[in-house]
Amino acid sequence: MQNTSNTQQGQNFIDMVCQLIGSYEAVLEMAILNNRGITTPLAIGEEIKASAVIRQDAVNIFRKKQPATALEQHSDDAMEELEGIGYWIINKNFRVS
């Protein structure tokens, strides 16, 4: 029987790998199994298939407390503009006269 789980809010693919098999060692194997990239964002409720469990003790822990380390990106948030010669762009925020 194949082990599967649905993603929760804030989880990325590597979180799911650890939750399902107890180790990050097989992340590439699971990416191939699920036909996806390891950095592709997950939708909430997306089903992830797992390969064989590597560390059952870790799986037992993560079943109770699911890891969720995905970073949220807010494109509408204004980014702080960095200052200094290393960050300036000619004719944008660094004027040559």
PDB file of N, CA and C in Angstrom:
ATOM      1  N   MET A   1       0.843  -1.193   0.000  1.00  0.00           N
ATOM      2  CA  MET A   1       0.000   0.000   0.000  1.00  0.00           C
ATOM      3  C   MET A   1       0.881   1.246   0.000  1.00  0.00           C
ATOM      4  N   GLN A   2       0.555   2.182  -0.860  1.00  0.00           N
ATOM      5  CA  GLN A   2       1.353   3.396  -0.959  1.00  0.00           C
ATOM      6  C   GLN A   2       0.870   4.435   0.042  1.00  0.00           C
ATOM      7  N   ASN A   3       1.806   5.070   0.700  1.00  0.00           N
ATOM      8  CA  ASN A   3       1.536   6.095   1.689  1.00  0.00           C
ATOM      9  C   ASN A   3       1.300   7.428   0.966  1.00  0.00           C
ATOM     10  N   THR A   4       0.204   8.121   1.279  1.00  0.00           N
ATOM     11  CA  THR A   4      -0.073   9.431   0.693  1.00  0.00           C
ATOM     12  C   THR A   4      -0.535  10.379   1.789  1.00  0.00           C
ATOM     13  N   SER A   5      -0.464  11.663   1.501  1.00  0.00           N
ATOM     14  CA  SER A   5      -0.963  12.669   2.433  1.00  0.00           C
ATOM     15  C   SER A   5      -1.338  13.909   1.643  1.00  0.00           C
ATOM     16  N   ASN A   6      -2.286  14.663   2.165  1.00  0.00           N
ATOM     17  CA  ASN A   6      -2.691  15.926   1.549  1.00  0.00           C
ATOM     18  C   ASN A   6      -1.990  17.070   2.258  1.00  0.00           C
ATOM     19  N   THR A   7      -1.574  18.059   1.469  1.00  0.00           N
ATOM     20  CA  THR A   7      -0.837  19.184   2.026  1.00  0.00           C
ATOM     21  C   THR A   7      -1.742  20.101   2.846  1.00  0.00           C
ATOM     22  N   GLN A   8      -1.128  20.717   3.829  1.00  0.00           N
ATOM     23  CA  GLN A   8      -1.800  21.700   4.676  1.00  0.00           C
ATOM     24  C   GLN A   8      -1.221  23.077   4.351  1.00  0.00           C
ATOM     25  N   GLN A   9      -1.855  24.104   4.862  1.00  0.00           N
ATOM     26  CA  GLN A   9      -1.378  25.464   4.635  1.00  0.00           C
ATOM     27  C   GLN A   9       0.043  25.620   5.177  1.00  0.00           C
ATOM     28  N   GLY A  10       0.905  26.229   4.390  1.00  0.00           N
ATOM     29  CA  GLY A  10       2.266  26.520   4.820  1.00  0.00           C
ATOM     30  C   GLY A  10       3.257  25.399   4.584  1.00  0.00           C
ATOM     31  N   GLN A  11       2.830  24.307   3.979  1.00  0.00           N
ATOM     32  CA  GLN A  11       3.754  23.205   3.731  1.00  0.00           C
ATOM     33  C   GLN A  11       4.355  23.302   2.338  1.00  0.00           C
ATOM     34  N   ASN A  12       5.629  22.967   2.256  1.00  0.00           N
ATOM     35  CA  ASN A  12       6.270  22.856   0.948  1.00  0.00           C
ATOM     36  C   ASN A  12       6.580  21.384   0.695  1.00  0.00           C
ATOM     37  N   PHE A  13       7.141  21.074  -0.464  1.00  0.00           N
ATOM     38  CA  PHE A  13       7.361  19.685  -0.839  1.00  0.00           C
ATOM     39  C   PHE A  13       8.325  18.983   0.113  1.00  0.00           C
ATOM     40  N   ILE A  14       9.354  19.672   0.547  1.00  0.00           N
ATOM     41  CA  ILE A  14      10.331  19.059   1.441  1.00  0.00           C
ATOM     42  C   ILE A  14       9.698  18.764   2.802  1.00  0.00           C
ATOM     43  N   ASP A  15       8.805  19.621   3.280  1.00  0.00           N
ATOM     44  CA  ASP A  15       8.053  19.332   4.510  1.00  0.00           C
ATOM     45  C   ASP A  15       7.280  18.028   4.364  1.00  0.00           C
ATOM     46  N   MET A  16       6.645  17.862   3.206  1.00  0.00           N
ATOM     47  CA  MET A  16       5.843  16.659   2.965  1.00  0.00           C
ATOM     48  C   MET A  16       6.712  15.409   2.902  1.00  0.00           C
ATOM     49  N   VAL A  17       7.876  15.520   2.299  1.00  0.00           N
ATOM     50  CA  VAL A  17       8.797  14.381   2.241  1.00  0.00           C
ATOM     51  C   VAL A  17       9.151  13.934   3.655  1.00  0.00           C
ATOM     52  N   CYS A  18       9.523  14.888   4.490  1.00  0.00           N
ATOM     53  CA  CYS A  18       9.893  14.556   5.866  1.00  0.00           C
ATOM     54  C   CYS A  18       8.705  13.961   6.620  1.00  0.00           C
ATOM     55  N   GLN A  19       7.531  14.508   6.426  1.00  0.00           N
ATOM     56  CA  GLN A  19       6.327  14.029   7.107  1.00  0.00           C
ATOM     57  C   GLN A  19       5.974  12.601   6.686  1.00  0.00           C
ATOM     58  N   LEU A  20       6.148  12.283   5.422  1.00  0.00           N
ATOM     59  CA  LEU A  20       5.728  10.985   4.904  1.00  0.00           C
ATOM     60  C   LEU A  20       6.750   9.865   5.075  1.00  0.00           C
ATOM     61  N   ILE A  21       8.043  10.180   4.935  1.00  0.00           N
ATOM     62  CA  ILE A  21       9.034   9.100   5.019  1.00  0.00           C
ATOM     63  C   ILE A  21      10.028   9.275   6.157  1.00  0.00           C
ATOM     64  N   GLY A  22       9.986  10.427   6.844  1.00  0.00           N
ATOM     65  CA  GLY A  22      10.820  10.626   8.017  1.00  0.00           C
ATOM     66  C   GLY A  22      12.229  11.082   7.749  1.00  0.00           C
ATOM     67  N   SER A  23      12.534  11.442   6.509  1.00  0.00           N
ATOM     68  CA  SER A  23      13.884  11.870   6.157  1.00  0.00           C
ATOM     69  C   SER A  23      13.843  12.671   4.857  1.00  0.00           C
ATOM     70  N   TYR A  24      14.847  13.512   4.678  1.00  0.00           N
ATOM     71  CA  TYR A  24      14.960  14.276   3.441  1.00  0.00           C
ATOM     72  C   TYR A  24      15.766  13.532   2.380  1.00  0.00           C
ATOM     73  N   GLU A  25      16.298  12.391   2.717  1.00  0.00           N
ATOM     74  CA  GLU A  25      17.197  11.658   1.833  1.00  0.00           C
ATOM     75  C   GLU A  25      16.582  11.306   0.479  1.00  0.00           C
ATOM     76  N   ALA A  26      15.310  11.045   0.433  1.00  0.00           N
ATOM     77  CA  ALA A  26      14.671  10.586  -0.803  1.00  0.00           C
ATOM     78  C   ALA A  26      13.857  11.681  -1.485  1.00  0.00           C
ATOM     79  N   VAL A  27      14.223  12.948  -1.285  1.00  0.00           N
ATOM     80  CA  VAL A  27      13.444  14.042  -1.850  1.00  0.00           C
ATOM     81  C   VAL A  27      13.395  13.963  -3.377  1.00  0.00           C
ATOM     82  N   LEU A  28      14.498  13.622  -4.019  1.00  0.00           N
ATOM     83  CA  LEU A  28      14.494  13.528  -5.484  1.00  0.00           C
ATOM     84  C   LEU A  28      13.672  12.329  -5.959  1.00  0.00           C
ATOM     85  N   GLU A  29      13.765  11.220  -5.253  1.00  0.00           N
ATOM     86  CA  GLU A  29      12.962  10.045  -5.597  1.00  0.00           C
ATOM     87  C   GLU A  29      11.472  10.368  -5.513  1.00  0.00           C
ATOM     88  N   MET A  30      11.081  11.100  -4.464  1.00  0.00           N
ATOM     89  CA  MET A  30       9.668  11.464  -4.306  1.00  0.00           C
ATOM     90  C   MET A  30       9.238  12.510  -5.324  1.00  0.00           C
ATOM     91  N   ALA A  31      10.133  13.396  -5.713  1.00  0.00           N
ATOM     92  CA  ALA A  31       9.803  14.382  -6.751  1.00  0.00           C
ATOM     93  C   ALA A  31       9.496  13.671  -8.066  1.00  0.00           C
ATOM     94  N   ILE A  32      10.289  12.654  -8.385  1.00  0.00           N
ATOM     95  CA  ILE A  32      10.042  11.873  -9.608  1.00  0.00           C
ATOM     96  C   ILE A  32       8.742  11.094  -9.476  1.00  0.00           C
ATOM     97  N   LEU A  33       8.521  10.481  -8.311  1.00  0.00           N
ATOM     98  CA  LEU A  33       7.297   9.713  -8.068  1.00  0.00           C
ATOM     99  C   LEU A  33       6.046  10.574  -8.237  1.00  0.00           C
ATOM    100  N   ASN A  34       6.127  11.853  -7.808  1.00  0.00           N
ATOM    101  CA  ASN A  34       4.990  12.764  -7.877  1.00  0.00           C
ATOM    102  C   ASN A  34       4.993  13.646  -9.119  1.00  0.00           C
ATOM    103  N   ASN A  35       5.997  13.450  -9.996  1.00  0.00           N
ATOM    104  CA  ASN A  35       6.100  14.200 -11.245  1.00  0.00           C
ATOM    105  C   ASN A  35       6.067  15.713 -11.012  1.00  0.00           C
ATOM    106  N   ARG A  36       6.991  16.180 -10.162  1.00  0.00           N
ATOM    107  CA  ARG A  36       7.026  17.605  -9.812  1.00  0.00           C
ATOM    108  C   ARG A  36       8.429  18.006  -9.403  1.00  0.00           C
ATOM    109  N   GLY A  37       8.664  19.318  -9.393  1.00  0.00           N
ATOM    110  CA  GLY A  37       9.932  19.853  -8.915  1.00  0.00           C
ATOM    111  C   GLY A  37       9.882  20.024  -7.403  1.00  0.00           C
ATOM    112  N   ILE A  38      11.039  20.005  -6.769  1.00  0.00           N
ATOM    113  CA  ILE A  38      11.050  20.108  -5.305  1.00  0.00           C
ATOM    114  C   ILE A  38      10.776  21.520  -4.811  1.00  0.00           C
ATOM    115  N   THR A  39      10.907  22.517  -5.685  1.00  0.00           N
ATOM    116  CA  THR A  39      10.656  23.898  -5.273  1.00  0.00           C
ATOM    117  C   THR A  39       9.323  24.448  -5.766  1.00  0.00           C
ATOM    118  N   THR A  40       8.556  23.643  -6.484  1.00  0.00           N
ATOM    119  CA  THR A  40       7.255  24.083  -6.976  1.00  0.00           C
ATOM    120  C   THR A  40       6.288  24.235  -5.808  1.00  0.00           C
ATOM    121  N   PRO A  41       5.619  25.384  -5.680  1.00  0.00           N
ATOM    122  CA  PRO A  41       4.679  25.574  -4.566  1.00  0.00           C
ATOM    123  C   PRO A  41       3.549  24.546  -4.593  1.00  0.00           C
ATOM    124  N   LEU A  42       3.105  24.147  -3.416  1.00  0.00           N
ATOM    125  CA  LEU A  42       2.012  23.187  -3.284  1.00  0.00           C
ATOM    126  C   LEU A  42       0.701  23.908  -3.025  1.00  0.00           C
ATOM    127  N   ALA A  43      -0.364  23.382  -3.603  1.00  0.00           N
ATOM    128  CA  ALA A  43      -1.702  23.886  -3.305  1.00  0.00           C
ATOM    129  C   ALA A  43      -2.204  23.162  -2.060  1.00  0.00           C
ATOM    130  N   ILE A  44      -2.994  23.848  -1.262  1.00  0.00           N
ATOM    131  CA  ILE A  44      -3.569  23.224  -0.071  1.00  0.00           C
ATOM    132  C   ILE A  44      -4.466  22.073  -0.514  1.00  0.00           C
ATOM    133  N   GLY A  45      -4.293  20.916   0.115  1.00  0.00           N
ATOM    134  CA  GLY A  45      -5.089  19.744  -0.201  1.00  0.00           C
ATOM    135  C   GLY A  45      -4.524  18.874  -1.308  1.00  0.00           C
ATOM    136  N   GLU A  46      -3.389  19.262  -1.875  1.00  0.00           N
ATOM    137  CA  GLU A  46      -2.765  18.468  -2.937  1.00  0.00           C
ATOM    138  C   GLU A  46      -2.247  17.151  -2.358  1.00  0.00           C
ATOM    139  N   GLU A  47      -2.502  16.054  -3.062  1.00  0.00           N
ATOM    140  CA  GLU A  47      -2.076  14.741  -2.579  1.00  0.00           C
ATOM    141  C   GLU A  47      -0.646  14.452  -3.012  1.00  0.00           C
ATOM    142  N   ILE A  48       0.185  14.038  -2.055  1.00  0.00           N
ATOM    143  CA  ILE A  48       1.572  13.685  -2.321  1.00  0.00           C
ATOM    144  C   ILE A  48       1.755  12.204  -2.013  1.00  0.00           C
ATOM    145  N   LYS A  49       2.328  11.473  -2.972  1.00  0.00           N
ATOM    146  CA  LYS A  49       2.611  10.049  -2.800  1.00  0.00           C
ATOM    147  C   LYS A  49       4.000   9.891  -2.207  1.00  0.00           C
ATOM    148  N   ALA A  50       4.162   8.875  -1.382  1.00  0.00           N
ATOM    149  CA  ALA A  50       5.449   8.657  -0.727  1.00  0.00           C
ATOM    150  C   ALA A  50       6.081   7.348  -1.156  1.00  0.00           C
ATOM    151  N   SER A  51       7.414   7.334  -1.099  1.00  0.00           N
ATOM    152  CA  SER A  51       8.149   6.093  -1.284  1.00  0.00           C
ATOM    153  C   SER A  51       8.207   5.400   0.083  1.00  0.00           C
ATOM    154  N   ALA A  52       9.073   4.437   0.246  1.00  0.00           N
ATOM    155  CA  ALA A  52       9.163   3.680   1.498  1.00  0.00           C
ATOM    156  C   ALA A  52       9.618   4.565   2.659  1.00  0.00           C
ATOM    157  N   VAL A  53       9.082   4.302   3.834  1.00  0.00           N
ATOM    158  CA  VAL A  53       9.447   5.045   5.048  1.00  0.00           C
ATOM    159  C   VAL A  53      10.900   4.732   5.409  1.00  0.00           C
ATOM    160  N   ILE A  54      11.663   5.781   5.707  1.00  0.00           N
ATOM    161  CA  ILE A  54      13.064   5.625   6.086  1.00  0.00           C
ATOM    162  C   ILE A  54      13.213   5.639   7.607  1.00  0.00           C
ATOM    163  N   ARG A  55      12.531   6.579   8.273  1.00  0.00           N
ATOM    164  CA  ARG A  55      12.608   6.684   9.742  1.00  0.00           C
ATOM    165  C   ARG A  55      11.195   6.743  10.313  1.00  0.00           C
ATOM    166  N   GLN A  56      10.724   5.634  10.799  1.00  0.00           N
ATOM    167  CA  GLN A  56       9.361   5.545  11.323  1.00  0.00           C
ATOM    168  C   GLN A  56       9.171   6.437  12.544  1.00  0.00           C
ATOM    169  N   ASP A  57      10.194   6.599  13.401  1.00  0.00           N
ATOM    170  CA  ASP A  57      10.061   7.446  14.583  1.00  0.00           C
ATOM    171  C   ASP A  57       9.781   8.901  14.183  1.00  0.00           C
ATOM    172  N   ALA A  58      10.437   9.384  13.136  1.00  0.00           N
ATOM    173  CA  ALA A  58      10.195  10.753  12.666  1.00  0.00           C
ATOM    174  C   ALA A  58       8.809  10.874  12.048  1.00  0.00           C
ATOM    175  N   VAL A  59       8.378   9.865  11.310  1.00  0.00           N
ATOM    176  CA  VAL A  59       7.036   9.878  10.715  1.00  0.00           C
ATOM    177  C   VAL A  59       5.983   9.961  11.820  1.00  0.00           C
ATOM    178  N   ASN A  60       6.162   9.218  12.898  1.00  0.00           N
ATOM    179  CA  ASN A  60       5.219   9.252  14.017  1.00  0.00           C
ATOM    180  C   ASN A  60       5.137  10.645  14.636  1.00  0.00           C
ATOM    181  N   ILE A  61       6.259  11.316  14.763  1.00  0.00           N
ATOM    182  CA  ILE A  61       6.279  12.688  15.314  1.00  0.00           C
ATOM    183  C   ILE A  61       5.576  13.655  14.366  1.00  0.00           C
ATOM    184  N   PHE A  62       5.900  13.576  13.073  1.00  0.00           N
ATOM    185  CA  PHE A  62       5.345  14.521  12.103  1.00  0.00           C
ATOM    186  C   PHE A  62       3.885  14.251  11.769  1.00  0.00           C
ATOM    187  N   ARG A  63       3.372  13.091  12.092  1.00  0.00           N
ATOM    188  CA  ARG A  63       1.941  12.830  11.933  1.00  0.00           C
ATOM    189  C   ARG A  63       1.137  13.697  12.900  1.00  0.00           C
ATOM    190  N   LYS A  64       1.686  13.883  14.100  1.00  0.00           N
ATOM    191  CA  LYS A  64       1.007  14.686  15.124  1.00  0.00           C
ATOM    192  C   LYS A  64       1.211  16.185  14.881  1.00  0.00           C
ATOM    193  N   LYS A  65       2.411  16.552  14.527  1.00  0.00           N
ATOM    194  CA  LYS A  65       2.754  17.966  14.339  1.00  0.00           C
ATOM    195  C   LYS A  65       3.373  18.119  12.953  1.00  0.00           C
ATOM    196  N   GLN A  66       2.547  18.471  11.984  1.00  0.00           N
ATOM    197  CA  GLN A  66       2.999  18.539  10.596  1.00  0.00           C
ATOM    198  C   GLN A  66       3.899  19.754  10.365  1.00  0.00           C
ATOM    199  N   PRO A  67       5.095  19.529   9.759  1.00  0.00           N
ATOM    200  CA  PRO A  67       5.983  20.658   9.489  1.00  0.00           C
ATOM    201  C   PRO A  67       5.386  21.565   8.419  1.00  0.00           C
ATOM    202  N   ALA A  68       5.553  22.865   8.597  1.00  0.00           N
ATOM    203  CA  ALA A  68       5.049  23.846   7.628  1.00  0.00           C
ATOM    204  C   ALA A  68       6.021  25.017   7.572  1.00  0.00           C
ATOM    205  N   THR A  69       6.989  24.924   6.680  1.00  0.00           N
ATOM    206  CA  THR A  69       8.032  25.938   6.606  1.00  0.00           C
ATOM    207  C   THR A  69       8.000  26.762   5.327  1.00  0.00           C
ATOM    208  N   ALA A  70       6.947  26.635   4.528  1.00  0.00           N
ATOM    209  CA  ALA A  70       6.871  27.380   3.272  1.00  0.00           C
ATOM    210  C   ALA A  70       6.818  28.875   3.551  1.00  0.00           C
ATOM    211  N   LEU A  71       7.509  29.621   2.723  1.00  0.00           N
ATOM    212  CA  LEU A  71       7.502  31.073   2.844  1.00  0.00           C
ATOM    213  C   LEU A  71       6.369  31.632   2.003  1.00  0.00           C
ATOM    214  N   GLU A  72       5.643  32.563   2.563  1.00  0.00           N
ATOM    215  CA  GLU A  72       4.576  33.202   1.810  1.00  0.00           C
ATOM    216  C   GLU A  72       5.142  34.411   1.093  1.00  0.00           C
ATOM    217  N   GLN A  73       4.759  34.567  -0.158  1.00  0.00           N
ATOM    218  CA  GLN A  73       5.215  35.696  -0.941  1.00  0.00           C
ATOM    219  C   GLN A  73       4.046  36.629  -1.174  1.00  0.00           C
ATOM    220  N   HIS A  74       4.230  37.883  -0.815  1.00  0.00           N
ATOM    221  CA  HIS A  74       3.200  38.900  -1.014  1.00  0.00           C
ATOM    222  C   HIS A  74       3.719  39.886  -2.048  1.00  0.00           C
ATOM    223  N   SER A  75       3.246  39.762  -3.269  1.00  0.00           N
ATOM    224  CA  SER A  75       3.743  40.617  -4.335  1.00  0.00           C
ATOM    225  C   SER A  75       3.267  42.061  -4.195  1.00  0.00           C
ATOM    226  N   ASP A  76       2.179  42.272  -3.455  1.00  0.00           N
ATOM    227  CA  ASP A  76       1.673  43.626  -3.316  1.00  0.00           C
ATOM    228  C   ASP A  76       2.366  44.404  -2.199  1.00  0.00           C
ATOM    229  N   ASP A  77       3.157  43.730  -1.388  1.00  0.00           N
ATOM    230  CA  ASP A  77       3.902  44.414  -0.331  1.00  0.00           C
ATOM    231  C   ASP A  77       5.043  45.210  -0.950  1.00  0.00           C
ATOM    232  N   ALA A  78       5.218  46.422  -0.488  1.00  0.00           N
ATOM    233  CA  ALA A  78       6.309  47.249  -0.979  1.00  0.00           C
ATOM    234  C   ALA A  78       7.615  46.757  -0.362  1.00  0.00           C
ATOM    235  N   MET A  79       8.597  46.497  -1.220  1.00  0.00           N
ATOM    236  CA  MET A  79       9.899  46.080  -0.729  1.00  0.00           C
ATOM    237  C   MET A  79      10.680  47.298  -0.316  1.00  0.00           C
ATOM    238  N   GLU A  80      11.410  47.144   0.740  1.00  0.00           N
ATOM    239  CA  GLU A  80      12.274  48.223   1.191  1.00  0.00           C
ATOM    240  C   GLU A  80      13.364  48.422   0.148  1.00  0.00           C
ATOM    241  N   GLU A  81      13.544  49.667  -0.294  1.00  0.00           N
ATOM    242  CA  GLU A  81      14.577  49.931  -1.278  1.00  0.00           C
ATOM    243  C   GLU A  81      15.907  50.086  -0.568  1.00  0.00           C
ATOM    244  N   LEU A  82      16.860  49.256  -0.965  1.00  0.00           N
ATOM    245  CA  LEU A  82      18.179  49.291  -0.354  1.00  0.00           C
ATOM    246  C   LEU A  82      18.957  50.475  -0.891  1.00  0.00           C
ATOM    247  N   GLU A  83      19.808  51.034  -0.067  1.00  0.00           N
ATOM    248  CA  GLU A  83      20.575  52.218  -0.417  1.00  0.00           C
ATOM    249  C   GLU A  83      22.058  51.896  -0.481  1.00  0.00           C
ATOM    250  N   GLY A  84      22.775  52.713  -1.224  1.00  0.00           N
ATOM    251  CA  GLY A  84      24.226  52.597  -1.295  1.00  0.00           C
ATOM    252  C   GLY A  84      24.688  52.267  -2.697  1.00  0.00           C
ATOM    253  N   ILE A  85      25.953  52.508  -2.939  1.00  0.00           N
ATOM    254  CA  ILE A  85      26.525  52.347  -4.264  1.00  0.00           C
ATOM    255  C   ILE A  85      26.382  50.914  -4.787  1.00  0.00           C
ATOM    256  N   GLY A  86      26.366  49.938  -3.904  1.00  0.00           N
ATOM    257  CA  GLY A  86      26.233  48.548  -4.310  1.00  0.00           C
ATOM    258  C   GLY A  86      24.840  48.188  -4.804  1.00  0.00           C
ATOM    259  N   TYR A  87      23.840  49.028  -4.503  1.00  0.00           N
ATOM    260  CA  TYR A  87      22.451  48.728  -4.875  1.00  0.00           C
ATOM    261  C   TYR A  87      21.889  49.673  -5.923  1.00  0.00           C
ATOM    262  N   TRP A  88      22.559  50.778  -6.185  1.00  0.00           N
ATOM    263  CA  TRP A  88      22.040  51.754  -7.124  1.00  0.00           C
ATOM    264  C   TRP A  88      22.163  51.267  -8.563  1.00  0.00           C
ATOM    265  N   ILE A  89      21.227  51.690  -9.393  1.00  0.00           N
ATOM    266  CA  ILE A  89      21.232  51.363 -10.811  1.00  0.00           C
ATOM    267  C   ILE A  89      21.333  52.676 -11.579  1.00  0.00           C
ATOM    268  N   ILE A  90      22.286  52.744 -12.507  1.00  0.00           N
ATOM    269  CA  ILE A  90      22.501  53.979 -13.264  1.00  0.00           C
ATOM    270  C   ILE A  90      21.235  54.321 -14.034  1.00  0.00           C
ATOM    271  N   ASN A  91      20.845  55.587 -13.970  1.00  0.00           N
ATOM    272  CA  ASN A  91      19.671  56.177 -14.614  1.00  0.00           C
ATOM    273  C   ASN A  91      18.349  55.670 -14.046  1.00  0.00           C
ATOM    274  N   LYS A  92      18.376  54.969 -12.962  1.00  0.00           N
ATOM    275  CA  LYS A  92      17.143  54.623 -12.266  1.00  0.00           C
ATOM    276  C   LYS A  92      17.117  55.356 -10.934  1.00  0.00           C
ATOM    277  N   ASN A  93      17.985  54.990 -10.019  1.00  0.00           N
ATOM    278  CA  ASN A  93      18.051  55.691  -8.734  1.00  0.00           C
ATOM    279  C   ASN A  93      19.447  56.258  -8.491  1.00  0.00           C
ATOM    280  N   PHE A  94      20.339  56.139  -9.469  1.00  0.00           N
ATOM    281  CA  PHE A  94      21.648  56.748  -9.413  1.00  0.00           C
ATOM    282  C   PHE A  94      21.803  57.587 -10.670  1.00  0.00           C
ATOM    283  N   ARG A  95      21.764  58.894 -10.495  1.00  0.00           N
ATOM    284  CA  ARG A  95      21.792  59.823 -11.632  1.00  0.00           C
ATOM    285  C   ARG A  95      23.223  60.232 -11.948  1.00  0.00           C
ATOM    286  N   VAL A  96      23.547  60.137 -13.219  1.00  0.00           N
ATOM    287  CA  VAL A  96      24.855  60.600 -13.696  1.00  0.00           C
ATOM    288  C   VAL A  96      24.617  61.916 -14.421  1.00  0.00           C
ATOM    289  N   SER A  97      25.327  62.979 -13.977  1.00  0.00           N
ATOM    290  CA  SER A  97      25.132  64.267 -14.637  1.00  0.00           C
ATOM    291  C   SER A  97      26.418  64.792 -15.207  1.00  0.00           C
TER     292      SER A  97
END
